[in-house]
N, C-alpha and C. Protein backbone atom coordinates (compact mmCIF):
# COMPACT_ATOMS: atom_id res chain seq x y z
N MET A 1 42.74 -22.19 -27.08
CA MET A 1 42.56 -23.63 -25.84
C MET A 1 43.37 -23.90 -24.77
N ALA A 2 44.29 -23.28 -24.84
CA ALA A 2 45.39 -23.42 -23.67
C ALA A 2 44.84 -22.32 -22.54
N LEU A 3 44.33 -21.13 -23.18
CA LEU A 3 43.71 -20.26 -21.82
C LEU A 3 42.59 -20.92 -21.23
N CYS A 4 41.39 -21.38 -22.12
CA CYS A 4 40.41 -22.35 -21.76
C CYS A 4 41.08 -23.29 -20.88
N LEU A 5 42.17 -24.30 -20.79
CA LEU A 5 42.57 -25.34 -20.06
C LEU A 5 42.86 -24.43 -18.65
N ALA A 6 43.83 -23.53 -19.09
CA ALA A 6 44.55 -22.85 -17.68
C ALA A 6 43.35 -22.32 -16.89
N VAL A 7 42.35 -21.65 -17.15
CA VAL A 7 40.80 -21.35 -16.52
C VAL A 7 40.67 -22.50 -15.90
N SER A 8 40.37 -23.17 -16.49
CA SER A 8 39.50 -24.68 -16.20
C SER A 8 40.25 -25.19 -14.82
N LEU A 9 41.66 -25.19 -15.15
CA LEU A 9 42.75 -25.68 -13.73
C LEU A 9 42.86 -24.54 -12.33
N VAL A 10 42.42 -23.63 -13.07
CA VAL A 10 42.80 -22.53 -12.01
C VAL A 10 41.19 -23.04 -11.03
N HIS A 11 40.02 -22.54 -12.00
CA HIS A 11 38.65 -23.06 -11.08
C HIS A 11 38.81 -24.14 -10.36
N VAL A 12 39.59 -25.73 -10.89
CA VAL A 12 39.18 -26.68 -10.21
C VAL A 12 40.04 -25.98 -9.06
N VAL A 13 40.86 -26.21 -9.05
CA VAL A 13 42.16 -25.69 -7.66
C VAL A 13 41.44 -24.74 -6.64
N MET A 14 40.73 -23.68 -6.79
CA MET A 14 40.36 -22.54 -6.17
C MET A 14 39.31 -23.27 -5.52
N VAL A 15 38.39 -24.07 -6.21
CA VAL A 15 37.15 -24.81 -5.86
C VAL A 15 37.16 -25.27 -4.78
N PHE A 16 38.27 -26.67 -5.15
CA PHE A 16 39.27 -28.11 -4.10
C PHE A 16 39.73 -27.00 -2.95
N LEU A 17 40.23 -26.00 -3.06
CA LEU A 17 41.07 -25.07 -1.93
C LEU A 17 39.32 -24.56 -0.89
N HIS A 18 38.48 -24.39 -1.59
CA HIS A 18 37.26 -23.82 -1.02
C HIS A 18 36.69 -24.67 0.00
N VAL A 19 36.55 -26.09 -0.64
CA VAL A 19 35.97 -26.92 0.17
C VAL A 19 36.74 -27.89 0.88
N ALA A 20 37.80 -28.01 0.62
CA ALA A 20 38.74 -28.91 1.47
C ALA A 20 39.22 -28.62 2.45
N PRO A 21 39.44 -29.40 3.90
CA PRO A 21 39.91 -28.66 5.18
C PRO A 21 40.50 -27.81 5.36
N PRO A 22 40.91 -26.88 6.26
CA PRO A 22 41.56 -26.29 6.10
C PRO A 22 43.09 -26.92 6.46
N ASN A 23 43.82 -26.09 5.55
CA ASN A 23 45.28 -26.48 5.30
C ASN A 23 46.09 -25.68 5.47
N PRO A 24 47.61 -25.44 5.45
CA PRO A 24 48.27 -23.95 4.95
C PRO A 24 48.18 -23.79 3.74
N VAL A 25 47.87 -24.06 2.60
CA VAL A 25 47.87 -23.88 1.63
C VAL A 25 46.55 -23.08 1.32
N SER A 26 45.33 -23.27 1.53
CA SER A 26 44.27 -23.10 1.82
C SER A 26 43.95 -21.58 3.11
N GLN A 27 44.73 -21.71 3.64
CA GLN A 27 44.86 -20.83 4.67
C GLN A 27 45.49 -19.68 3.88
N ARG A 28 46.48 -19.56 3.54
CA ARG A 28 47.45 -19.01 2.64
C ARG A 28 47.26 -17.77 1.81
N LEU A 29 46.05 -19.18 0.84
CA LEU A 29 45.08 -18.37 -0.08
C LEU A 29 43.60 -17.87 0.10
N SER A 30 43.53 -18.10 1.26
CA SER A 30 42.06 -17.92 1.68
C SER A 30 41.40 -16.60 0.65
N ARG A 31 42.02 -15.38 0.75
CA ARG A 31 41.64 -14.30 0.10
C ARG A 31 41.18 -14.54 -1.68
N GLN A 32 42.39 -14.96 -1.98
CA GLN A 32 41.99 -15.47 -3.50
C GLN A 32 41.18 -16.14 -3.65
N VAL A 33 40.81 -17.52 -2.78
CA VAL A 33 40.19 -17.84 -2.72
C VAL A 33 38.41 -17.73 -2.53
N THR A 34 38.55 -16.91 -1.77
CA THR A 34 37.05 -16.49 -1.42
C THR A 34 36.74 -15.39 -2.60
N ALA A 35 37.77 -14.68 -3.09
CA ALA A 35 37.31 -13.28 -3.92
C ALA A 35 36.71 -14.40 -5.56
N TRP A 36 37.50 -15.66 -5.69
CA TRP A 36 37.03 -16.59 -6.79
C TRP A 36 35.90 -17.03 -6.78
N VAL A 37 35.67 -17.98 -5.59
CA VAL A 37 34.30 -18.58 -5.14
C VAL A 37 33.10 -17.63 -4.64
N TYR A 38 33.19 -16.12 -4.58
CA TYR A 38 32.25 -15.71 -4.22
C TYR A 38 31.34 -14.77 -4.82
N PRO A 39 30.54 -14.41 -5.38
CA PRO A 39 29.49 -15.00 -4.99
C PRO A 39 29.29 -15.76 -6.04
N LEU A 40 30.06 -16.25 -7.21
CA LEU A 40 29.19 -16.76 -8.81
C LEU A 40 29.40 -18.52 -8.28
N PHE A 41 29.93 -18.94 -7.40
CA PHE A 41 30.82 -20.48 -7.27
C PHE A 41 30.63 -20.72 -5.85
N GLU A 42 29.57 -20.07 -5.07
CA GLU A 42 29.43 -20.84 -3.54
C GLU A 42 28.77 -21.73 -3.37
N GLN A 43 29.67 -22.83 -2.78
CA GLN A 43 29.52 -24.34 -2.35
C GLN A 43 28.63 -24.14 -0.99
N ASN A 44 27.57 -25.20 -0.75
CA ASN A 44 26.94 -25.50 0.07
C ASN A 44 26.22 -26.96 0.13
N TRP A 45 25.29 -27.19 1.52
CA TRP A 45 25.15 -28.42 1.57
C TRP A 45 23.74 -28.08 1.27
N ARG A 46 22.71 -27.08 0.70
CA ARG A 46 21.37 -27.27 0.57
C ARG A 46 20.44 -27.88 -0.31
N LEU A 47 21.72 -28.47 -1.13
CA LEU A 47 20.89 -29.30 -2.50
C LEU A 47 20.75 -30.25 -1.81
N PHE A 48 21.21 -30.98 -0.74
CA PHE A 48 21.33 -32.26 -0.05
C PHE A 48 20.57 -32.14 0.80
N ALA A 49 20.47 -31.07 1.88
CA ALA A 49 19.68 -30.73 2.79
C ALA A 49 18.83 -29.72 2.56
N PRO A 50 17.62 -28.86 2.07
CA PRO A 50 17.32 -28.00 1.81
C PRO A 50 16.48 -27.55 3.33
N GLU A 51 16.39 -26.29 3.04
CA GLU A 51 15.71 -26.06 4.42
C GLU A 51 14.79 -25.06 3.49
N PRO A 52 13.61 -25.55 3.67
CA PRO A 52 11.95 -24.71 3.61
C PRO A 52 11.79 -23.44 3.90
N GLU A 53 11.15 -22.84 3.12
CA GLU A 53 11.11 -21.58 3.07
C GLU A 53 9.92 -21.36 4.20
N SER A 54 9.90 -20.43 4.55
CA SER A 54 9.35 -20.15 5.80
C SER A 54 8.64 -19.27 5.71
N VAL A 55 9.04 -18.12 5.07
CA VAL A 55 8.79 -16.60 4.47
C VAL A 55 8.79 -16.62 3.36
N ASN A 56 7.95 -15.54 2.77
CA ASN A 56 7.94 -15.11 1.43
C ASN A 56 8.34 -13.67 1.28
N ARG A 57 9.44 -13.63 0.33
CA ARG A 57 10.00 -11.85 0.30
C ARG A 57 9.03 -11.93 -0.77
N GLN A 58 9.31 -10.05 -0.34
CA GLN A 58 8.86 -9.25 -1.93
C GLN A 58 9.85 -8.44 -2.07
N ILE A 59 10.66 -8.58 -3.17
CA ILE A 59 11.59 -7.71 -3.09
C ILE A 59 11.30 -6.20 -4.43
N SER A 60 11.18 -5.29 -3.66
CA SER A 60 11.07 -4.21 -4.83
C SER A 60 12.02 -2.96 -4.63
N ALA A 61 12.13 -2.57 -5.82
CA ALA A 61 13.41 -1.58 -6.28
C ALA A 61 12.39 -0.34 -6.80
N ARG A 62 12.97 0.76 -6.50
CA ARG A 62 13.16 2.08 -6.80
C ARG A 62 13.74 2.94 -7.19
N THR A 63 13.69 3.86 -8.50
CA THR A 63 15.04 4.50 -8.78
C THR A 63 14.62 6.34 -8.67
N ALA A 64 15.81 6.73 -8.45
CA ALA A 64 15.76 8.23 -8.73
C ALA A 64 16.71 9.08 -9.53
N HIS A 65 16.23 9.82 -10.24
CA HIS A 65 16.88 10.61 -10.95
C HIS A 65 16.76 12.12 -10.81
N THR A 66 18.12 12.90 -10.92
CA THR A 66 18.16 14.37 -11.30
C THR A 66 17.82 14.36 -12.20
N ALA A 67 16.21 15.29 -12.40
CA ALA A 67 16.08 15.95 -14.01
C ALA A 67 16.90 17.53 -14.01
N PRO A 68 17.30 17.91 -15.50
CA PRO A 68 17.92 19.16 -15.46
C PRO A 68 17.76 20.31 -14.46
N ASP A 69 16.22 20.73 -14.09
CA ASP A 69 16.45 21.43 -13.16
C ASP A 69 16.46 21.68 -11.37
N GLY A 70 17.28 20.39 -11.59
CA GLY A 70 17.94 20.11 -10.41
C GLY A 70 16.56 19.36 -9.35
N THR A 71 15.58 19.10 -9.58
CA THR A 71 14.55 18.65 -8.67
C THR A 71 14.91 17.03 -8.86
N VAL A 72 14.91 16.31 -7.68
CA VAL A 72 14.99 14.50 -7.96
C VAL A 72 13.38 13.83 -8.54
N GLN A 73 13.34 13.51 -9.08
CA GLN A 73 12.05 12.43 -9.79
C GLN A 73 12.65 11.08 -9.04
N VAL A 74 11.24 10.71 -7.90
CA VAL A 74 11.68 8.98 -7.54
C VAL A 74 10.51 8.56 -7.98
N SER A 75 10.74 7.14 -8.36
CA SER A 75 9.79 6.21 -9.31
C SER A 75 8.98 5.68 -8.49
N THR A 76 8.08 4.99 -8.83
CA THR A 76 7.30 3.92 -7.90
C THR A 76 8.36 2.73 -7.74
N TRP A 77 7.53 1.71 -6.92
CA TRP A 77 8.04 0.48 -6.62
C TRP A 77 7.45 -0.09 -7.47
N PHE A 78 9.02 -0.91 -8.22
CA PHE A 78 9.05 -2.05 -8.77
C PHE A 78 9.16 -3.33 -8.62
N ASP A 79 8.51 -4.51 -8.59
CA ASP A 79 8.44 -5.79 -7.89
C ASP A 79 9.25 -6.70 -8.51
N LEU A 80 10.95 -6.89 -8.39
CA LEU A 80 11.32 -7.41 -8.74
C LEU A 80 11.17 -8.99 -8.52
N THR A 81 10.61 -9.61 -7.12
CA THR A 81 10.18 -10.64 -7.38
C THR A 81 9.46 -11.24 -8.26
N ALA A 82 8.39 -10.35 -8.61
CA ALA A 82 7.40 -10.97 -9.34
C ALA A 82 7.62 -10.98 -10.51
N VAL A 83 8.53 -10.47 -11.29
CA VAL A 83 9.77 -10.36 -12.36
C VAL A 83 10.19 -11.91 -12.56
N ASP A 84 11.12 -12.44 -11.30
CA ASP A 84 11.54 -13.59 -11.13
C ASP A 84 10.45 -14.93 -11.14
N GLY A 85 9.43 -14.66 -10.81
CA GLY A 85 8.14 -15.81 -10.90
C GLY A 85 7.53 -15.76 -11.86
N SER A 86 7.38 -14.37 -12.46
CA SER A 86 6.74 -14.67 -14.01
C SER A 86 7.83 -15.71 -14.71
N ALA A 87 8.95 -15.45 -14.78
CA ALA A 87 9.65 -15.84 -16.12
C ALA A 87 9.94 -17.42 -15.37
N VAL A 88 9.90 -17.66 -14.34
CA VAL A 88 9.91 -19.42 -13.74
C VAL A 88 8.44 -19.64 -14.55
N ARG A 89 7.14 -19.19 -13.84
CA ARG A 89 6.28 -19.97 -14.19
C ARG A 89 5.88 -19.87 -15.93
N HIS A 90 6.42 -19.26 -17.17
CA HIS A 90 5.98 -19.12 -18.07
C HIS A 90 7.41 -20.13 -18.79
N ASN A 91 8.23 -20.58 -18.24
CA ASN A 91 9.31 -20.74 -19.23
C ASN A 91 8.84 -22.79 -18.61
N VAL A 92 9.21 -23.31 -19.87
CA VAL A 92 8.84 -24.71 -19.08
C VAL A 92 10.19 -25.29 -18.63
N PHE A 93 11.64 -25.15 -18.67
CA PHE A 93 12.43 -25.38 -18.46
C PHE A 93 13.44 -23.64 -18.14
N PRO A 94 12.78 -23.38 -16.43
CA PRO A 94 13.57 -22.28 -15.97
C PRO A 94 15.09 -23.00 -15.46
N SER A 95 15.53 -21.63 -15.36
CA SER A 95 17.39 -22.00 -15.19
C SER A 95 17.18 -21.88 -13.54
N HIS A 96 18.46 -22.61 -12.76
CA HIS A 96 18.56 -22.37 -11.35
C HIS A 96 18.79 -21.03 -11.12
N THR A 97 19.53 -20.43 -11.55
CA THR A 97 19.91 -19.03 -11.39
C THR A 97 19.04 -18.12 -11.59
N THR A 98 17.89 -18.58 -12.25
CA THR A 98 16.45 -17.57 -13.03
C THR A 98 15.37 -17.47 -11.43
N GLN A 99 15.82 -18.86 -10.87
CA GLN A 99 14.57 -19.18 -9.59
C GLN A 99 15.34 -18.52 -8.31
N ASN A 100 16.91 -18.65 -8.70
CA ASN A 100 17.49 -18.31 -6.95
C ASN A 100 18.18 -17.07 -6.85
N MET A 101 19.02 -16.26 -7.96
CA MET A 101 19.93 -15.00 -8.03
C MET A 101 19.31 -14.26 -7.20
N LEU A 102 18.62 -13.49 -7.18
CA LEU A 102 17.92 -12.29 -6.34
C LEU A 102 17.53 -12.92 -4.82
N ARG A 103 16.70 -14.13 -4.70
CA ARG A 103 16.17 -14.68 -2.78
C ARG A 103 17.86 -15.24 -2.57
N ARG A 104 18.85 -15.59 -3.20
CA ARG A 104 20.11 -15.92 -2.61
C ARG A 104 21.17 -14.68 -2.30
N ALA A 105 21.13 -13.61 -3.02
CA ALA A 105 21.55 -12.56 -3.17
C ALA A 105 21.13 -11.48 -1.64
N TRP A 106 19.66 -11.53 -1.45
CA TRP A 106 19.55 -11.03 -0.30
C TRP A 106 19.23 -11.97 0.43
N THR A 107 19.46 -13.09 0.50
CA THR A 107 19.77 -14.03 2.07
C THR A 107 21.19 -13.66 2.54
N SER A 108 22.00 -13.79 0.88
CA SER A 108 23.63 -13.52 1.87
C SER A 108 23.85 -12.12 2.55
N TYR A 109 22.91 -10.87 1.69
CA TYR A 109 23.45 -9.51 2.29
C TYR A 109 22.30 -9.47 3.80
N SER A 110 21.32 -9.98 3.96
CA SER A 110 20.57 -10.03 4.99
C SER A 110 21.89 -10.31 6.20
N GLU A 111 22.37 -11.81 5.61
CA GLU A 111 23.39 -12.71 7.16
C GLU A 111 24.37 -11.92 7.25
N LEU A 112 25.22 -10.85 6.23
CA LEU A 112 26.39 -10.26 6.76
C LEU A 112 26.13 -8.74 6.99
N HIS A 113 25.23 -8.43 6.81
CA HIS A 113 24.42 -7.24 7.12
C HIS A 113 23.70 -6.86 8.70
N GLY A 114 24.19 -5.88 9.47
CA GLY A 114 23.21 -5.48 10.60
C GLY A 114 22.03 -4.99 10.39
N ALA A 115 21.30 -4.07 11.21
CA ALA A 115 20.31 -3.78 10.87
C ALA A 115 20.57 -2.48 10.49
N ASP A 116 21.86 -1.57 10.54
CA ASP A 116 21.94 -0.55 9.91
C ASP A 116 22.39 -0.68 8.81
N ASP A 117 22.63 -1.89 8.05
CA ASP A 117 22.90 -1.65 6.56
C ASP A 117 24.31 -1.22 6.57
N VAL A 118 24.86 -0.63 7.37
CA VAL A 118 26.35 -0.59 6.83
C VAL A 118 27.54 -1.80 7.12
N PRO A 119 28.38 -1.86 5.68
CA PRO A 119 29.10 -3.15 5.34
C PRO A 119 30.09 -3.33 6.39
N SER A 120 30.27 -4.51 7.29
CA SER A 120 31.39 -4.56 8.25
C SER A 120 32.60 -5.06 7.60
N THR A 121 32.52 -5.76 6.55
CA THR A 121 33.72 -6.91 6.21
C THR A 121 33.91 -6.50 4.83
N GLU A 122 35.42 -6.84 3.94
CA GLU A 122 34.89 -7.07 2.42
C GLU A 122 33.57 -7.42 1.81
N ARG A 123 33.83 -8.69 2.32
CA ARG A 123 32.31 -9.30 1.95
C ARG A 123 31.74 -9.60 1.70
N ALA A 124 30.90 -8.40 2.63
CA ALA A 124 29.75 -7.97 3.09
C ALA A 124 29.42 -6.30 1.96
N LEU A 125 30.80 -5.76 1.72
CA LEU A 125 30.56 -4.68 0.67
C LEU A 125 30.16 -5.51 -0.50
N MET A 126 30.68 -6.50 -0.76
CA MET A 126 31.00 -7.31 -2.29
C MET A 126 29.53 -7.64 -2.60
N MET A 127 28.79 -8.42 -1.62
CA MET A 127 27.32 -8.66 -1.52
C MET A 127 26.39 -7.74 -1.66
N GLN A 128 26.80 -6.43 -0.95
CA GLN A 128 25.81 -5.09 -1.16
C GLN A 128 25.85 -4.98 -2.74
N LYS A 129 27.14 -4.86 -2.89
CA LYS A 129 26.93 -4.29 -4.60
C LYS A 129 26.53 -5.03 -5.70
N TYR A 130 26.53 -6.74 -5.49
CA TYR A 130 26.52 -7.76 -6.38
C TYR A 130 24.54 -7.33 -5.94
N LEU A 131 23.73 -7.37 -4.44
CA LEU A 131 22.32 -6.85 -4.68
C LEU A 131 22.05 -5.88 -5.82
N ARG A 132 22.83 -4.77 -5.41
CA ARG A 132 22.06 -3.30 -6.15
C ARG A 132 22.77 -3.88 -7.48
N ASN A 133 23.52 -4.33 -7.89
CA ASN A 133 23.95 -4.68 -9.49
C ASN A 133 22.70 -5.53 -10.16
N ILE A 134 22.35 -6.13 -9.25
CA ILE A 134 21.15 -7.14 -10.21
C ILE A 134 19.84 -6.07 -9.64
N ALA A 135 19.91 -5.95 -8.90
CA ALA A 135 18.30 -4.83 -8.86
C ALA A 135 18.76 -4.08 -10.03
N ALA A 136 19.55 -3.36 -9.92
CA ALA A 136 19.46 -2.04 -11.11
C ALA A 136 20.08 -2.59 -12.57
N GLN A 137 20.56 -3.67 -12.61
CA GLN A 137 20.16 -4.64 -14.27
C GLN A 137 18.67 -5.02 -13.95
N ARG A 138 17.65 -5.59 -13.70
CA ARG A 138 16.36 -5.99 -13.64
C ARG A 138 15.96 -4.69 -14.02
N VAL A 139 16.49 -3.57 -13.08
CA VAL A 139 14.91 -2.29 -13.92
C VAL A 139 15.29 -1.47 -14.63
N ALA A 140 16.66 -1.87 -15.05
CA ALA A 140 17.00 -1.04 -16.30
C ALA A 140 16.49 -1.96 -17.33
N ALA A 141 16.21 -3.46 -17.48
CA ALA A 141 15.48 -3.93 -18.27
C ALA A 141 14.15 -4.03 -18.56
N HIS A 142 13.63 -3.73 -17.68
CA HIS A 142 11.73 -3.52 -17.45
C HIS A 142 11.59 -2.03 -17.62
N ARG A 143 12.14 -1.09 -17.50
CA ARG A 143 11.98 0.58 -17.53
C ARG A 143 12.68 1.15 -18.23
N ARG A 144 11.99 2.41 -18.91
CA ARG A 144 12.77 3.21 -19.83
C ARG A 144 13.35 4.24 -18.75
N GLY A 145 14.63 5.28 -19.29
CA GLY A 145 15.04 6.08 -18.58
C GLY A 145 16.34 5.78 -17.73
N THR A 146 16.95 6.61 -17.67
CA THR A 146 18.04 6.74 -16.66
C THR A 146 18.32 6.98 -15.25
N PHE A 147 18.31 6.35 -14.36
CA PHE A 147 18.68 6.53 -12.81
C PHE A 147 19.76 6.97 -12.59
N GLU A 148 20.35 7.54 -11.05
CA GLU A 148 21.62 7.54 -10.69
C GLU A 148 21.61 6.55 -9.32
N SER A 149 20.27 6.68 -8.75
CA SER A 149 20.18 5.90 -7.21
C SER A 149 19.33 4.57 -7.37
N ILE A 150 19.35 3.66 -6.47
CA ILE A 150 18.64 2.74 -6.36
C ILE A 150 18.29 2.45 -5.18
N GLN A 151 16.54 2.08 -4.62
CA GLN A 151 16.30 1.77 -3.12
C GLN A 151 15.71 0.34 -3.26
N LEU A 152 16.35 -0.14 -2.05
CA LEU A 152 15.50 -1.86 -2.47
C LEU A 152 14.31 -1.82 -1.03
N ARG A 153 13.27 -2.36 -1.27
CA ARG A 153 12.52 -2.37 -0.05
C ARG A 153 12.05 -3.85 0.20
N VAL A 154 12.00 -4.65 1.20
CA VAL A 154 11.65 -6.10 0.85
C VAL A 154 10.73 -6.24 2.14
N ILE A 155 9.61 -7.08 1.78
CA ILE A 155 8.49 -7.23 2.94
C ILE A 155 8.82 -8.53 2.47
N THR A 156 8.74 -9.27 4.30
CA THR A 156 8.87 -10.61 4.62
C THR A 156 7.34 -10.83 5.24
N THR A 157 6.58 -11.96 4.79
CA THR A 157 5.80 -12.31 4.95
C THR A 157 5.49 -13.82 5.48
N PRO A 158 5.28 -14.19 6.55
CA PRO A 158 5.17 -15.82 6.98
C PRO A 158 4.14 -16.43 5.76
N ILE A 159 4.67 -17.95 5.51
CA ILE A 159 4.31 -18.72 4.68
C ILE A 159 2.65 -19.39 5.71
N GLY A 160 1.61 -19.64 4.99
CA GLY A 160 0.78 -19.87 6.06
C GLY A 160 0.71 -21.45 5.89
N PRO A 161 -0.17 -22.04 6.78
CA PRO A 161 -0.10 -23.24 6.52
C PRO A 161 -0.96 -23.87 5.44
N PRO A 162 -0.44 -25.57 5.15
CA PRO A 162 -1.25 -25.99 4.16
C PRO A 162 -2.65 -25.66 4.03
N ALA A 163 -3.34 -26.08 2.84
CA ALA A 163 -4.43 -25.78 2.96
C ALA A 163 -5.03 -27.41 3.70
N PRO A 164 -5.76 -27.73 4.08
CA PRO A 164 -6.27 -28.99 5.08
C PRO A 164 -6.85 -29.56 3.72
N VAL A 165 -6.72 -31.04 4.02
CA VAL A 165 -7.24 -31.86 2.78
C VAL A 165 -8.64 -32.10 2.45
N SER A 166 -9.03 -32.36 3.53
CA SER A 166 -10.33 -32.58 3.94
C SER A 166 -11.13 -31.10 4.35
N GLY A 167 -12.55 -31.31 4.36
CA GLY A 167 -13.46 -30.14 4.90
C GLY A 167 -13.63 -30.38 6.20
N ASP A 168 -12.77 -30.83 6.84
CA ASP A 168 -12.91 -30.98 8.14
C ASP A 168 -12.73 -29.22 9.25
N ARG A 169 -11.58 -29.08 8.93
CA ARG A 169 -11.00 -27.85 9.51
C ARG A 169 -11.50 -26.35 8.79
N PRO A 170 -11.90 -25.37 9.52
CA PRO A 170 -12.01 -24.51 8.40
C PRO A 170 -10.75 -23.72 8.12
N ALA A 171 -10.90 -22.76 6.54
CA ALA A 171 -9.48 -22.24 6.40
C ALA A 171 -9.53 -21.24 7.15
N ALA A 172 -8.35 -20.46 6.88
CA ALA A 172 -7.88 -19.19 7.98
C ALA A 172 -8.63 -18.43 7.19
N ALA A 173 -9.09 -17.50 7.70
CA ALA A 173 -10.16 -16.24 7.42
C ALA A 173 -9.26 -15.03 6.48
N THR A 174 -8.24 -14.88 7.21
CA THR A 174 -7.36 -13.61 7.05
C THR A 174 -5.99 -14.34 6.74
N PRO A 175 -5.10 -13.42 5.31
CA PRO A 175 -3.66 -13.97 5.24
C PRO A 175 -2.92 -13.39 6.17
N PRO A 176 -1.76 -14.10 6.49
CA PRO A 176 -0.83 -14.11 7.53
C PRO A 176 -0.54 -12.50 7.40
N ALA A 177 -0.26 -11.86 8.43
CA ALA A 177 0.43 -10.47 8.21
C ALA A 177 1.73 -9.93 8.30
N ALA A 178 2.45 -9.25 7.19
CA ALA A 178 3.79 -9.18 7.00
C ALA A 178 4.69 -8.86 8.36
N LEU A 179 5.22 -9.63 8.39
CA LEU A 179 6.48 -9.83 9.67
C LEU A 179 7.43 -8.60 9.64
N ASP A 180 8.00 -8.22 8.15
CA ASP A 180 8.77 -6.95 8.43
C ASP A 180 8.84 -6.53 7.06
N THR A 181 9.18 -5.08 7.34
CA THR A 181 9.30 -3.99 5.94
C THR A 181 10.89 -3.47 6.17
N ARG A 182 11.42 -3.75 5.30
CA ARG A 182 12.86 -3.27 5.31
C ARG A 182 13.43 -2.68 4.34
N LEU A 183 13.66 -1.34 4.83
CA LEU A 183 13.82 -0.53 3.17
C LEU A 183 15.30 -0.04 3.75
N LEU A 184 16.08 -0.11 2.37
CA LEU A 184 17.52 -0.26 2.68
C LEU A 184 17.73 1.01 2.15
N PRO A 185 18.97 1.62 2.34
CA PRO A 185 19.29 3.14 1.91
C PRO A 185 19.35 3.22 0.33
N TRP A 186 19.33 4.37 -0.13
CA TRP A 186 19.77 4.68 -1.35
C TRP A 186 21.33 4.16 -1.91
N TRP A 187 21.66 3.65 -3.21
CA TRP A 187 22.58 3.20 -3.43
C TRP A 187 22.71 3.65 -4.41
N LYS A 188 23.99 4.79 -4.82
CA LYS A 188 24.74 5.49 -5.77
C LYS A 188 24.74 3.95 -7.17
N VAL A 189 24.20 4.46 -8.36
CA VAL A 189 24.10 3.21 -9.63
C VAL A 189 25.00 4.30 -10.52
N THR A 190 26.13 3.58 -11.44
CA THR A 190 26.59 4.31 -12.10
C THR A 190 26.62 3.36 -13.66
N SER A 191 27.07 3.92 -14.46
CA SER A 191 27.48 3.54 -16.55
C SER A 191 28.03 1.63 -15.90
N ASP A 192 29.48 1.92 -15.13
CA ASP A 192 29.96 1.18 -15.39
C ASP A 192 29.76 -0.20 -13.99
N GLY A 193 28.62 0.05 -13.16
CA GLY A 193 27.97 -0.81 -12.67
C GLY A 193 28.48 -1.04 -11.24
N ASN A 194 29.58 0.06 -10.43
CA ASN A 194 29.94 0.10 -9.35
C ASN A 194 29.11 1.57 -8.45
C-alpha cells in the first residue's frame, strides 16, 4: 500500500513538473522528469485541438535470422499497420493505446531523426529503441521463429479528397500515388529487448 502511494505521489509530481511553466525545480530535475514522462506519459494538447491526418502511413517490418550454416534469411514484409487496423475494427471498445501506439512512435521517431536515421540526442535514441521494440513485439506475436535483426519500411500516401455527396462531380479515376517510401536501417534485436 505504501509503495503504491509513493509511486502515485512521484508520478503526480513528475507530471506536474513536466507541464508546469519553467521554474528552478523543473529545470534542475529536467533530465529525471523527461525520463519519467517520455514515451509513456507524454502530455500534449492534441486531445483538444487534434491535427487531422493528411497522409496514411503503412508501417511494415521484416526480420533477419542467421541460419546455422551462416546464411542470412530475410523474411517477407509484415504489415504492422494492418494488424493495428484489424485490432481496432474488430474490437467494440478499442483502446487508445491500440489505436495510436505505433503511429505516435513513428511520429516521434521521424520528428527526432533526420533523413540519415542517426539519433543525435538521448531522447532520439530512446524513441528509436521504443519503435524497434514495438515492431519486434508485434512481429514476434504474429510470426514463428527467432530473429536477430529487424528493419522497418514506412510508405506514406496522401489522403484523397472526400467522395462527392451528390453525383455532380466525377470521382477521381486513380488513387493518390505514394509520397514517400522510407526504409530504415537494420536494428539488432536481443532477447532482453535492447
